[in-house]
Amino acid sequence: MAGTKVNLADFPLSADSLVRLLREGRDGEEARFTDQAIADWCYGLFSAIDCKRHVAYGRYSTEAAREVAYSVALQFEADLLNVTGRVFDAAIYRSWLAELGLQ
């Protein structure tokens, strides 16, 4: 997977941005972001929703986005503790998109 070429701070905290990032991750080598960068951004989204800070509304459920964002961050942390250098495969990104009702 390629390193981050675009600053993730440019992505507003929203379910729409989550979908864009999950699709990026699913694309593997073509992705502009590392799994860790995506997981860190997801934790920020989860935290913002959980603390009721401003989160942009969009086409997708904020509550579903909260759950998926937490799953992404948690999965990365669990994998980081167990296997150094592990990256998510496309299947796990597809499963998170499916939780949001997407392909």
C-alpha atoms as a PDB file:
ATOM      1  CA  MET A   1       0.000   0.000   0.000  1.00  0.00           C
ATOM      2  CA  ALA A   2       1.276   3.434  -0.854  1.00  0.00           C
ATOM      3  CA  GLY A   3       2.012   6.016   1.781  1.00  0.00           C
ATOM      4  CA  THR A   4      -0.220   8.982   2.489  1.00  0.00           C
ATOM      5  CA  LYS A   5       0.001  11.490  -0.365  1.00  0.00           C
ATOM      6  CA  VAL A   6      -2.937  13.624   0.750  1.00  0.00           C
ATOM      7  CA  ASN A   7      -3.396  15.011   4.231  1.00  0.00           C
ATOM      8  CA  LEU A   8      -6.211  13.162   5.981  1.00  0.00           C
ATOM      9  CA  ALA A   9      -6.967  16.339   7.907  1.00  0.00           C
ATOM     10  CA  ASP A  10      -8.478  17.536   4.619  1.00  0.00           C
ATOM     11  CA  PHE A  11     -11.223  14.917   4.999  1.00  0.00           C
ATOM     12  CA  PRO A  12     -14.128  16.272   7.067  1.00  0.00           C
ATOM     13  CA  LEU A  13     -15.258  14.052   9.907  1.00  0.00           C
ATOM     14  CA  SER A  14     -18.298  12.470   8.287  1.00  0.00           C
ATOM     15  CA  ALA A  15     -19.781   9.142   7.283  1.00  0.00           C
ATOM     16  CA  ASP A  16     -19.275  10.176   3.653  1.00  0.00           C
ATOM     17  CA  SER A  17     -15.533  10.601   4.222  1.00  0.00           C
ATOM     18  CA  LEU A  18     -15.437   7.245   6.003  1.00  0.00           C
ATOM     19  CA  VAL A  19     -16.900   5.568   2.923  1.00  0.00           C
ATOM     20  CA  ARG A  20     -14.322   7.275   0.687  1.00  0.00           C
ATOM     21  CA  LEU A  21     -11.460   6.123   2.918  1.00  0.00           C
ATOM     22  CA  LEU A  22     -12.738   2.550   3.170  1.00  0.00           C
ATOM     23  CA  ARG A  23     -12.945   2.420  -0.598  1.00  0.00           C
ATOM     24  CA  GLU A  24      -9.381   3.752  -0.772  1.00  0.00           C
ATOM     25  CA  GLY A  25      -8.180   1.045   1.587  1.00  0.00           C
ATOM     26  CA  ARG A  26     -10.034  -1.631  -0.336  1.00  0.00           C
ATOM     27  CA  ASP A  27      -8.105  -0.650  -3.459  1.00  0.00           C
ATOM     28  CA  GLY A  28      -4.827  -1.790  -1.874  1.00  0.00           C
ATOM     29  CA  GLU A  29      -1.748  -0.752  -3.811  1.00  0.00           C
ATOM     30  CA  GLU A  30      -3.667   2.061  -5.486  1.00  0.00           C
ATOM     31  CA  ALA A  31      -4.688   3.565  -2.141  1.00  0.00           C
ATOM     32  CA  ARG A  32      -3.240   6.943  -1.238  1.00  0.00           C
ATOM     33  CA  PHE A  33      -3.258   6.206   2.497  1.00  0.00           C
ATOM     34  CA  THR A  34      -1.686   3.652   4.791  1.00  0.00           C
ATOM     35  CA  ASP A  35      -3.903   1.388   6.882  1.00  0.00           C
ATOM     36  CA  GLN A  36      -2.562   3.104   9.982  1.00  0.00           C
ATOM     37  CA  ALA A  37      -3.498   6.556   8.645  1.00  0.00           C
ATOM     38  CA  ILE A  38      -7.008   5.317   7.876  1.00  0.00           C
ATOM     39  CA  ALA A  39      -7.315   3.675  11.310  1.00  0.00           C
ATOM     40  CA  ASP A  40      -6.121   6.862  13.054  1.00  0.00           C
ATOM     41  CA  TRP A  41      -8.622   8.960  11.085  1.00  0.00           C
ATOM     42  CA  CYS A  42     -11.364   6.458  11.963  1.00  0.00           C
ATOM     43  CA  TYR A  43     -10.556   6.781  15.651  1.00  0.00           C
ATOM     44  CA  GLY A  44     -10.901  10.553  15.284  1.00  0.00           C
ATOM     45  CA  LEU A  45     -14.318  10.115  13.674  1.00  0.00           C
ATOM     46  CA  PHE A  46     -15.433   7.660  16.355  1.00  0.00           C
ATOM     47  CA  SER A  47     -14.260  10.020  19.077  1.00  0.00           C
ATOM     48  CA  ALA A  48     -15.965  13.035  17.502  1.00  0.00           C
ATOM     49  CA  ILE A  49     -19.282  11.208  17.194  1.00  0.00           C
ATOM     50  CA  ASP A  50     -18.971   9.723  20.674  1.00  0.00           C
ATOM     51  CA  CYS A  51     -18.197  13.116  22.244  1.00  0.00           C
ATOM     52  CA  LYS A  52     -20.951  14.762  20.195  1.00  0.00           C
ATOM     53  CA  ARG A  53     -18.503  17.150  18.515  1.00  0.00           C
ATOM     54  CA  HIS A  54     -19.413  18.509  15.107  1.00  0.00           C
ATOM     55  CA  VAL A  55     -19.611  15.772  12.503  1.00  0.00           C
ATOM     56  CA  ALA A  56     -20.743  16.635   8.991  1.00  0.00           C
ATOM     57  CA  TYR A  57     -23.974  14.990   7.919  1.00  0.00           C
ATOM     58  CA  GLY A  58     -24.175  13.137   4.659  1.00  0.00           C
ATOM     59  CA  ARG A  59     -25.864  10.277   2.889  1.00  0.00           C
ATOM     60  CA  TYR A  60     -24.828   7.574   5.359  1.00  0.00           C
ATOM     61  CA  SER A  61     -25.900   6.835   8.909  1.00  0.00           C
ATOM     62  CA  THR A  62     -23.744   8.547  11.522  1.00  0.00           C
ATOM     63  CA  GLU A  63     -24.446   5.768  14.035  1.00  0.00           C
ATOM     64  CA  ALA A  64     -23.393   3.056  11.569  1.00  0.00           C
ATOM     65  CA  ALA A  65     -20.300   5.122  10.728  1.00  0.00           C
ATOM     66  CA  ARG A  66     -19.464   5.336  14.437  1.00  0.00           C
ATOM     67  CA  GLU A  67     -19.569   1.549  14.792  1.00  0.00           C
ATOM     68  CA  VAL A  68     -17.531   0.904  11.656  1.00  0.00           C
ATOM     69  CA  ALA A  69     -14.960   3.592  12.516  1.00  0.00           C
ATOM     70  CA  TYR A  70     -14.498   2.006  15.933  1.00  0.00           C
ATOM     71  CA  SER A  71     -14.118  -1.438  14.339  1.00  0.00           C
ATOM     72  CA  VAL A  72     -11.419  -0.156  11.980  1.00  0.00           C
ATOM     73  CA  ALA A  73      -9.436   1.518  14.763  1.00  0.00           C
ATOM     74  CA  LEU A  74      -9.813  -1.450  17.101  1.00  0.00           C
ATOM     75  CA  GLN A  75      -8.834  -3.977  14.418  1.00  0.00           C
ATOM     76  CA  PHE A  76      -5.689  -2.035  13.580  1.00  0.00           C
ATOM     77  CA  GLU A  77      -4.677  -1.835  17.239  1.00  0.00           C
ATOM     78  CA  ALA A  78      -5.311  -5.565  17.764  1.00  0.00           C
ATOM     79  CA  ASP A  79      -3.301  -6.445  14.682  1.00  0.00           C
ATOM     80  CA  LEU A  80      -0.514  -4.060  15.634  1.00  0.00           C
ATOM     81  CA  LEU A  81      -0.132  -5.859  18.949  1.00  0.00           C
ATOM     82  CA  ASN A  82      -0.139  -9.294  17.314  1.00  0.00           C
ATOM     83  CA  VAL A  83       1.673  -8.985  13.994  1.00  0.00           C
ATOM     84  CA  THR A  84       4.148  -6.283  13.126  1.00  0.00           C
ATOM     85  CA  GLY A  85       3.731  -4.882   9.636  1.00  0.00           C
ATOM     86  CA  ARG A  86       0.360  -6.498   8.953  1.00  0.00           C
ATOM     87  CA  VAL A  87      -1.877  -4.661   6.536  1.00  0.00           C
ATOM     88  CA  PHE A  88      -5.600  -5.071   6.015  1.00  0.00           C
ATOM     89  CA  ASP A  89      -6.645  -6.966   2.934  1.00  0.00           C
ATOM     90  CA  ALA A  90      -9.433  -5.908   0.593  1.00  0.00           C
ATOM     91  CA  ALA A  91     -11.861  -8.382   2.173  1.00  0.00           C
ATOM     92  CA  ILE A  92     -11.856  -6.631   5.544  1.00  0.00           C
ATOM     93  CA  TYR A  93     -12.462  -3.259   3.876  1.00  0.00           C
ATOM     94  CA  ARG A  94     -15.347  -4.818   1.911  1.00  0.00           C
ATOM     95  CA  SER A  95     -16.829  -6.154   5.167  1.00  0.00           C
ATOM     96  CA  TRP A  96     -16.768  -2.676   6.721  1.00  0.00           C
ATOM     97  CA  LEU A  97     -18.396  -1.199   3.614  1.00  0.00           C
ATOM     98  CA  ALA A  98     -21.050  -3.946   3.820  1.00  0.00           C
ATOM     99  CA  GLU A  99     -21.799  -2.893   7.426  1.00  0.00           C
ATOM    100  CA  LEU A 100     -22.666   0.501   5.960  1.00  0.00           C
ATOM    101  CA  GLY A 101     -24.891  -1.166   3.366  1.00  0.00           C
ATOM    102  CA  LEU A 102     -22.398  -0.637   0.532  1.00  0.00           C
ATOM    103  CA  GLN A 103     -20.239  -2.759  -1.748  1.00  0.00           C
END
